Amino acid sequence: MVLEEFGVSSDFASEANAVRYYRHVLHNSLLAGATGWIAWNNTDFDLPGQDPYRHHAFEQHFGLTDAAGRPRATLAEMRAFSATLDAIEVGRCARTDTDTALIVPGYLDTSFPFTDPADRPRIAHSLAQAYVSARLADLPVALTRESSGIGEDARLYLAPSMQQMLAPTGAALERLAAGGACVYVSYSPGDSRSHPGPWYGRLNAMFGVRHRLDVGMDNPVEDDVVPFTLRRDFGGLAAGTTLRFAVAGNPGFLPVEPDGAEVLATDARGRPALLLRRTGRGSLILCTYPVERMAALTPRVNPDDTVTLYDALARHAGVRRPVTVADPRVACDTLIRDDGALFAVLASHAAEALAVTLVLDGGELTTLCGEKTTEGVTLDPFGIKVLRIAGHVPPGP
């Protein structure tokens, strides 16, 4: 997979911020499966009287070199990335297996009668936000499409701010949970006035609740910030822990009562915010607020407490992660080489230097040259480091 036409005009970003953009695009797309990169573009030029540059002047300034051929700092970033690829022998590397699946609703990639075209951007934005939160929780998610059948090889399934669900999907999710997976679904009423509310078909039975929705009536969120207070220990979080989610987009929440489910967390008014229904060897978890949708509409929100929630879900589900970092401003992921060598990629999203400690699931940390190093790592502002985990033994199925 080749990532092409990425870049930024120097009219739109300072040099330092353009370098940061390149650094993160390059490394994060590598972790997402990219094997080639073509930046847009090679050089600046000066054609102010020629269309389309006459009316899009900024498009003349996307170059890795300026109009005189002098290299920009973004070119040095490309060169440094190339050196990293050589050091890990990227042609022999692949993404490590993941236990976490992000469900892509069928309403995003399939046209159904009597649906609102605005549903697709809403779904896409919620998915993108969930992906960011999962990565900051050190979860290398795989996408699984509802329209082609949800994959059955994950331990944790995330369905973020989902309003619409195909009729067979509920049974499929229950089957996955009964087989040992954790299935997380957060509610969204949608943005359209056409049939607002959950299109699940059997919400009550699936999640062990009784909803209290009224005909044509909204259930608006009353506060600027919604607190979720845990009623018991869950996924490494202690009872009494409070997660807070900024409210945006005038969303609605889902009023429910437990009917077989256990209330994990309540909001400021004591209403269920997170509920868990056990089935077979696994569980289904319902979030009654569209936390991903609200975050997607909030500027500069990341990392928010969705990261903490996803980390707890991963611990509850028994998701296997070779390396984690507690600081939600740092994302960790791994690549594996065909000889079994494991590489950890740490990406800081903080504007200041960070000292973090890596938690390894086996093995010991070394530099790419093989020199042993400590598990305490210092990252420059928005810095990225690639290290090797020596002696790591991949877990069994």
Protein backbone atom coordinates (compact mmCIF):
# COMPACT_ATOMS: atom_id res chain seq x y z
CA MET A 1 0.00 0.00 0.00
CA VAL A 2 1.45 3.37 -1.04
CA LEU A 3 0.54 6.59 0.74
CA GLU A 4 0.63 9.35 -1.85
CA GLU A 5 -0.13 13.05 -2.13
CA PHE A 6 0.34 13.75 1.55
CA GLY A 7 1.96 17.05 2.42
CA VAL A 8 1.24 20.60 3.50
CA SER A 9 1.74 24.02 1.97
CA SER A 10 4.19 26.30 3.76
CA ASP A 11 1.41 28.90 3.47
CA PHE A 12 -0.70 26.76 5.80
CA ALA A 13 1.84 25.59 8.39
CA SER A 14 5.10 26.79 9.88
CA GLU A 15 8.22 24.77 9.11
CA ALA A 16 8.33 23.24 12.61
CA ASN A 17 4.69 22.18 12.42
CA ALA A 18 5.11 20.84 8.89
CA VAL A 19 8.02 18.68 10.11
CA ARG A 20 5.86 17.35 12.94
CA TYR A 21 3.11 16.57 10.46
CA TYR A 22 5.49 14.66 8.19
CA ARG A 23 7.02 12.75 11.12
CA HIS A 24 3.67 11.52 12.38
CA VAL A 25 2.12 10.84 8.99
CA LEU A 26 5.11 8.75 7.96
CA HIS A 27 5.41 6.64 11.11
CA ASN A 28 1.70 6.22 11.77
CA SER A 29 0.95 5.23 8.19
CA LEU A 30 3.79 2.67 8.46
CA LEU A 31 2.02 1.20 11.48
CA ALA A 32 -1.25 1.20 9.54
CA GLY A 33 0.29 -0.93 6.80
CA ALA A 34 1.81 1.51 4.29
CA THR A 35 4.88 0.21 2.45
CA GLY A 36 5.61 3.22 0.21
CA TRP A 37 5.37 7.00 0.46
CA ILE A 38 5.11 9.70 -2.24
CA ALA A 39 4.97 13.19 -0.75
CA TRP A 40 3.23 16.08 -2.49
CA ASN A 41 5.44 17.38 -3.82
CA ASN A 42 9.10 17.51 -4.81
CA THR A 43 9.67 21.25 -5.14
CA ASP A 44 8.05 24.65 -4.87
CA PHE A 45 7.59 26.65 -8.05
CA ASP A 46 6.65 30.16 -9.14
CA LEU A 47 3.79 30.33 -11.66
CA PRO A 48 1.50 33.04 -10.28
CA GLY A 49 -0.07 33.89 -13.65
CA GLN A 50 -0.92 30.34 -14.65
CA ASP A 51 -4.16 28.59 -13.75
CA PRO A 52 -4.92 26.99 -11.35
CA TYR A 53 -2.15 28.72 -9.35
CA ARG A 54 -3.50 32.14 -10.24
CA HIS A 55 -6.46 31.46 -7.96
CA HIS A 56 -4.83 28.79 -5.74
CA ALA A 57 -1.50 30.45 -4.98
CA PHE A 58 -0.83 28.27 -1.94
CA GLU A 59 -0.55 25.17 -4.16
CA GLN A 60 2.84 26.40 -5.36
CA HIS A 61 4.39 25.79 -1.94
CA PHE A 62 4.03 22.10 -1.08
CA GLY A 63 7.63 21.27 -1.98
CA LEU A 64 10.27 19.32 -0.07
CA THR A 65 12.63 21.89 -1.57
CA ASP A 66 11.97 25.54 -2.23
CA ALA A 67 11.77 27.07 -5.71
CA ALA A 68 15.57 27.52 -5.76
CA GLY A 69 16.12 23.82 -4.95
CA ARG A 70 17.16 24.38 -1.34
CA PRO A 71 16.00 21.49 0.92
CA ARG A 72 13.30 22.15 3.47
CA ALA A 73 13.30 20.57 6.93
CA THR A 74 10.54 18.23 5.75
CA LEU A 75 13.02 16.65 3.34
CA ALA A 76 15.38 15.97 6.26
CA GLU A 77 12.45 14.29 8.03
CA MET A 78 11.89 12.07 4.99
CA ARG A 79 15.59 11.18 4.99
CA ALA A 80 15.53 10.27 8.71
CA PHE A 81 12.47 8.11 8.15
CA SER A 82 14.21 6.35 5.28
CA ALA A 83 17.15 5.57 7.59
CA THR A 84 14.75 4.02 10.11
CA LEU A 85 13.17 1.87 7.41
CA ASP A 86 16.62 0.61 6.42
CA ALA A 87 17.52 -0.13 10.04
CA ILE A 88 14.47 -2.32 10.65
CA GLU A 89 14.56 -3.81 7.12
CA VAL A 90 11.00 -2.71 6.48
CA GLY A 91 10.55 -4.98 3.47
CA ARG A 92 10.66 -7.90 5.90
CA CYS A 93 8.29 -6.32 8.44
CA ALA A 94 4.54 -6.52 8.92
CA ARG A 95 1.96 -5.28 11.37
CA THR A 96 1.67 -7.44 14.45
CA ASP A 97 -1.58 -9.30 14.97
CA THR A 98 -4.26 -7.43 16.88
CA ASP A 99 -7.02 -8.51 19.23
CA THR A 100 -9.10 -5.35 18.70
CA ALA A 101 -11.62 -4.73 15.91
CA LEU A 102 -13.31 -1.45 15.02
CA ILE A 103 -16.70 -2.13 13.44
CA VAL A 104 -17.42 -0.15 10.26
CA PRO A 105 -21.22 0.17 9.99
CA GLY A 106 -22.84 -0.96 6.77
CA TYR A 107 -24.50 2.43 6.51
CA LEU A 108 -21.11 3.97 5.72
CA ASP A 109 -20.29 1.91 2.64
CA THR A 110 -23.75 0.81 1.43
CA SER A 111 -26.75 2.85 0.25
CA PHE A 112 -30.03 1.87 1.87
CA PRO A 113 -33.48 3.30 1.12
CA PHE A 114 -34.86 6.13 3.24
CA THR A 115 -31.58 7.08 4.89
CA ASP A 116 -30.06 10.51 5.27
CA PRO A 117 -26.86 11.23 3.25
CA ALA A 118 -25.60 13.15 6.29
CA ASP A 119 -25.35 9.86 8.17
CA ARG A 120 -22.15 8.94 6.34
CA PRO A 121 -19.99 11.89 7.48
CA ARG A 122 -21.28 11.40 11.04
CA ILE A 123 -20.31 7.73 11.00
CA ALA A 124 -16.91 8.48 9.45
CA HIS A 125 -16.10 11.16 12.02
CA SER A 126 -17.06 8.89 14.93
CA LEU A 127 -14.95 6.07 13.52
CA ALA A 128 -11.95 8.36 13.04
CA GLN A 129 -12.23 9.61 16.62
CA ALA A 130 -12.55 6.06 17.96
CA TYR A 131 -9.46 5.07 15.95
CA VAL A 132 -7.45 7.91 17.50
CA SER A 133 -8.58 7.00 21.02
CA ALA A 134 -7.78 3.33 20.44
CA ARG A 135 -4.29 4.15 19.20
CA LEU A 136 -3.65 6.39 22.21
CA ALA A 137 -4.74 3.44 24.37
CA ASP A 138 -2.01 1.40 22.61
CA LEU A 139 -4.58 -0.68 20.73
CA PRO A 140 -3.59 -1.41 17.11
CA VAL A 141 -7.11 -1.78 15.77
CA ALA A 142 -8.18 -3.66 12.67
CA LEU A 143 -11.27 -2.61 10.71
CA THR A 144 -14.07 -5.12 10.27
CA ARG A 145 -17.00 -4.30 7.99
CA GLU A 146 -20.57 -4.99 8.97
CA SER A 147 -21.56 -5.12 5.30
CA SER A 148 -19.27 -8.07 4.54
CA GLY A 149 -19.65 -9.88 7.86
CA ILE A 150 -17.90 -9.02 11.11
CA GLY A 151 -14.66 -10.95 11.63
CA GLU A 152 -14.55 -13.48 14.44
CA ASP A 153 -10.91 -13.34 15.57
CA ALA A 154 -10.90 -10.38 17.99
CA ARG A 155 -11.18 -10.23 21.77
CA LEU A 156 -12.51 -6.66 21.80
CA TYR A 157 -15.03 -5.19 19.35
CA LEU A 158 -15.66 -1.44 19.32
CA ALA A 159 -18.84 0.01 17.79
CA PRO A 160 -18.49 3.76 18.50
CA SER A 161 -21.52 6.07 18.65
CA MET A 162 -23.56 3.66 16.58
CA GLN A 163 -27.11 4.65 15.70
CA GLN A 164 -27.81 2.22 12.87
CA MET A 165 -27.20 -1.51 12.98
CA LEU A 166 -28.21 -4.13 10.42
CA ALA A 167 -30.79 -6.58 11.75
CA PRO A 168 -28.50 -9.67 11.72
CA THR A 169 -25.66 -7.82 13.46
CA GLY A 170 -27.16 -7.95 16.95
CA ALA A 171 -27.23 -11.73 16.91
CA ALA A 172 -23.70 -11.82 15.49
CA LEU A 173 -22.40 -9.60 18.30
CA GLU A 174 -24.14 -11.71 20.93
CA ARG A 175 -22.57 -14.82 19.43
CA LEU A 176 -19.11 -13.24 19.55
CA ALA A 177 -19.64 -12.25 23.16
CA ALA A 178 -20.86 -15.71 24.11
CA GLY A 179 -17.69 -17.09 22.55
CA GLY A 180 -15.51 -15.01 24.87
CA ALA A 181 -15.21 -11.56 23.28
CA CYS A 182 -16.06 -8.20 24.80
CA VAL A 183 -18.41 -6.19 22.57
CA TYR A 184 -18.65 -2.46 23.28
CA VAL A 185 -21.38 -0.34 21.70
CA SER A 186 -21.94 3.33 22.45
CA TYR A 187 -25.34 4.79 21.64
CA SER A 188 -26.05 7.69 19.33
CA PRO A 189 -29.48 9.09 18.42
CA GLY A 190 -28.07 10.39 15.13
CA ASP A 191 -28.23 13.93 13.83
CA SER A 192 -31.24 13.60 11.55
CA ARG A 193 -34.85 14.16 12.54
CA SER A 194 -35.79 11.17 10.39
CA HIS A 195 -36.20 8.21 12.75
CA PRO A 196 -33.84 9.40 15.50
CA GLY A 197 -32.84 6.77 18.04
CA PRO A 198 -31.34 3.28 17.91
CA TRP A 199 -32.04 1.25 14.79
CA TYR A 200 -30.84 -1.94 16.53
CA GLY A 201 -34.08 -3.88 16.41
CA ARG A 202 -33.53 -5.68 19.72
CA LEU A 203 -31.59 -3.34 21.96
CA ASN A 204 -33.23 -4.46 25.21
CA ALA A 205 -32.54 -8.17 24.81
CA MET A 206 -29.03 -7.66 23.46
CA PHE A 207 -27.82 -5.51 26.35
CA GLY A 208 -30.06 -6.68 29.22
CA VAL A 209 -31.84 -3.32 29.62
CA ARG A 210 -35.24 -1.66 29.26
CA HIS A 211 -35.00 1.57 27.32
CA ARG A 212 -37.19 4.51 28.32
CA LEU A 213 -37.35 6.35 24.99
CA ASP A 214 -40.53 8.29 24.23
CA VAL A 215 -42.24 8.84 20.88
CA GLY A 216 -40.53 11.69 19.01
CA MET A 217 -38.99 13.07 22.19
CA ASP A 218 -35.31 13.97 22.57
CA ASN A 219 -33.24 13.20 25.65
CA PRO A 220 -30.74 16.06 25.48
CA VAL A 221 -27.60 16.05 27.57
CA GLU A 222 -28.07 18.66 30.27
CA ASP A 223 -24.44 19.46 31.13
CA ASP A 224 -21.30 20.72 29.39
CA VAL A 225 -19.32 17.77 30.77
CA VAL A 226 -20.74 14.32 31.48
CA PRO A 227 -19.09 12.38 34.34
CA PHE A 228 -19.08 8.59 34.40
CA THR A 229 -18.50 7.36 37.97
CA LEU A 230 -17.60 3.68 38.29
CA ARG A 231 -19.72 1.69 40.74
CA ARG A 232 -17.21 -1.15 40.95
CA ASP A 233 -13.68 -1.99 39.89
CA PHE A 234 -13.42 -2.46 36.15
CA GLY A 235 -10.53 -3.01 33.76
CA GLY A 236 -7.90 -1.72 36.16
CA LEU A 237 -9.99 1.28 37.24
CA ALA A 238 -11.07 1.42 40.88
CA ALA A 239 -14.63 1.90 42.03
CA GLY A 240 -15.27 5.63 42.46
CA THR A 241 -13.06 6.60 39.51
CA THR A 242 -14.73 9.31 37.42
CA LEU A 243 -14.24 9.74 33.69
CA ARG A 244 -15.33 13.03 32.13
CA PHE A 245 -16.50 13.65 28.58
CA ALA A 246 -16.96 17.06 26.97
CA VAL A 247 -20.41 17.57 25.43
CA ALA A 248 -20.70 18.86 21.87
CA GLY A 249 -23.19 18.68 19.04
CA ASN A 250 -26.35 18.78 21.18
CA PRO A 251 -26.45 14.97 21.47
CA GLY A 252 -28.99 12.83 23.21
CA PHE A 253 -28.38 10.05 25.71
CA LEU A 254 -30.18 6.73 26.03
CA PRO A 255 -32.38 6.43 29.14
CA VAL A 256 -32.34 2.80 30.30
CA GLU A 257 -32.97 0.61 33.32
CA PRO A 258 -31.01 -2.59 33.90
CA ASP A 259 -32.90 -5.79 33.15
CA GLY A 260 -30.25 -8.43 33.67
CA ALA A 261 -27.30 -6.13 32.99
CA GLU A 262 -25.00 -4.78 35.69
CA VAL A 263 -24.52 -1.03 35.98
CA LEU A 264 -20.81 -0.29 35.74
CA ALA A 265 -20.99 3.50 35.85
CA THR A 266 -23.56 6.23 36.38
CA ASP A 267 -23.77 9.85 35.26
CA ALA A 268 -24.16 12.95 37.43
CA ARG A 269 -27.85 12.17 38.01
CA GLY A 270 -27.35 8.54 38.91
CA ARG A 271 -28.52 7.23 35.55
CA PRO A 272 -26.76 4.24 33.96
CA ALA A 273 -23.89 5.36 31.74
CA LEU A 274 -22.12 2.02 31.27
CA LEU A 275 -23.80 -1.37 31.60
CA LEU A 276 -22.38 -4.87 31.30
CA ARG A 277 -24.32 -7.97 30.33
CA ARG A 278 -22.48 -11.25 30.70
CA THR A 279 -23.23 -14.00 28.22
CA GLY A 280 -21.36 -17.25 27.78
CA ARG A 281 -17.64 -16.63 28.23
CA GLY A 282 -17.79 -12.94 27.31
CA SER A 283 -19.77 -9.75 27.70
CA LEU A 284 -21.59 -6.91 25.96
CA ILE A 285 -21.04 -3.38 27.23
CA LEU A 286 -23.46 -0.55 26.44
CA CYS A 287 -22.47 3.11 26.76
CA THR A 288 -25.57 5.30 26.91
CA TYR A 289 -23.78 8.43 25.64
CA PRO A 290 -22.21 9.07 22.19
CA VAL A 291 -18.81 9.81 23.70
CA GLU A 292 -16.90 9.38 20.41
CA ARG A 293 -19.33 11.59 18.48
CA MET A 294 -19.08 14.31 21.13
CA ALA A 295 -15.28 14.15 21.06
CA ALA A 296 -15.23 14.30 17.26
CA LEU A 297 -17.05 17.65 17.47
CA THR A 298 -14.77 19.10 20.17
CA PRO A 299 -11.66 20.97 18.97
CA ARG A 300 -8.29 19.76 20.31
CA VAL A 301 -10.00 17.23 22.56
CA ASN A 302 -7.43 14.44 22.37
CA PRO A 303 -6.54 12.69 24.50
CA ASP A 304 -9.85 12.60 26.33
CA ASP A 305 -11.13 10.01 28.78
CA THR A 306 -12.28 7.75 25.95
CA VAL A 307 -8.64 6.63 25.93
CA THR A 308 -8.94 5.56 29.57
CA LEU A 309 -12.24 3.84 28.84
CA TYR A 310 -10.80 1.92 25.89
CA ASP A 311 -7.79 0.87 27.95
CA ALA A 312 -10.15 -0.50 30.63
CA LEU A 313 -12.16 -2.33 27.97
CA ALA A 314 -8.94 -3.87 26.65
CA ARG A 315 -7.93 -5.07 30.11
CA HIS A 316 -11.41 -6.46 30.71
CA ALA A 317 -11.29 -8.28 27.36
CA GLY A 318 -7.79 -9.67 27.89
CA VAL A 319 -6.39 -7.94 24.84
CA ARG A 320 -2.72 -8.79 24.26
CA ARG A 321 -0.43 -5.78 23.87
CA PRO A 322 3.35 -6.31 23.58
CA VAL A 323 4.06 -2.80 24.90
CA THR A 324 2.05 -0.08 26.62
CA VAL A 325 2.67 3.36 28.09
CA ALA A 326 0.42 4.81 30.77
CA ASP A 327 0.60 8.39 29.45
CA PRO A 328 -2.32 8.84 27.01
CA ARG A 329 -0.32 11.43 25.07
CA VAL A 330 1.97 8.67 23.82
CA ALA A 331 0.85 5.98 21.38
CA CYS A 332 2.68 2.64 21.18
CA ASP A 333 2.54 0.05 18.45
CA THR A 334 4.72 -2.74 17.12
CA LEU A 335 6.03 -4.20 13.88
CA ILE A 336 7.34 -7.73 13.52
CA ARG A 337 10.07 -8.85 11.12
CA ASP A 338 10.02 -12.22 9.40
CA ASP A 339 12.82 -13.46 11.70
CA GLY A 340 10.71 -12.69 14.79
CA ALA A 341 12.38 -9.38 15.65
CA LEU A 342 9.86 -7.06 17.31
CA PHE A 343 10.08 -3.27 17.01
CA ALA A 344 8.25 -0.81 19.26
CA VAL A 345 7.26 2.57 17.82
CA LEU A 346 6.51 5.33 20.34
CA ALA A 347 4.82 8.50 19.12
CA SER A 348 4.40 11.50 21.40
CA HIS A 349 1.53 13.89 20.82
CA ALA A 350 2.66 16.31 23.53
CA ALA A 351 4.13 19.77 22.96
CA GLU A 352 6.67 19.22 25.75
CA ALA A 353 9.32 16.57 26.35
CA LEU A 354 8.00 13.48 28.14
CA ALA A 355 9.69 10.87 30.30
CA VAL A 356 7.66 7.66 30.08
CA THR A 357 8.04 4.06 31.17
CA LEU A 358 7.29 1.22 28.81
CA VAL A 359 5.50 -1.84 30.15
CA LEU A 360 6.57 -4.90 28.18
CA ASP A 361 4.70 -8.16 27.86
CA GLY A 362 7.94 -10.10 27.83
CA GLY A 363 11.40 -9.43 26.44
CA GLU A 364 13.78 -6.56 27.09
CA LEU A 365 14.24 -3.19 25.45
CA THR A 366 17.22 -2.42 23.21
CA THR A 367 18.20 0.20 20.67
CA LEU A 368 18.02 -0.66 16.98
CA CYS A 369 21.75 -1.35 17.21
CA GLY A 370 21.09 -4.01 19.86
CA GLU A 371 22.37 -2.06 22.86
CA LYS A 372 20.39 -2.75 26.03
CA THR A 373 18.50 0.26 27.33
CA THR A 374 16.18 1.01 30.22
CA GLU A 375 12.40 0.90 30.01
CA GLY A 376 12.37 4.59 30.88
CA VAL A 377 12.34 6.63 27.66
CA THR A 378 12.49 10.37 27.05
CA LEU A 379 10.62 11.67 24.02
CA ASP A 380 11.16 15.08 22.47
CA PRO A 381 8.12 17.31 21.88
CA PHE A 382 6.03 15.46 19.30
CA GLY A 383 8.94 13.04 19.05
CA ILE A 384 9.00 9.47 17.80
CA LYS A 385 11.36 6.68 18.81
CA VAL A 386 11.76 3.22 17.35
CA LEU A 387 13.23 0.58 19.67
CA ARG A 388 13.60 -3.19 19.60
CA ILE A 389 12.10 -5.66 22.07
CA ALA A 390 14.60 -8.49 22.26
CA GLY A 391 13.57 -11.94 23.39
CA HIS A 392 9.86 -11.36 23.05
CA VAL A 393 7.92 -14.59 22.56
CA PRO A 394 4.67 -14.12 20.57
CA PRO A 395 1.64 -15.36 22.54
CA GLY A 396 -0.23 -18.43 21.42
CA PRO A 397 -3.73 -18.27 19.94
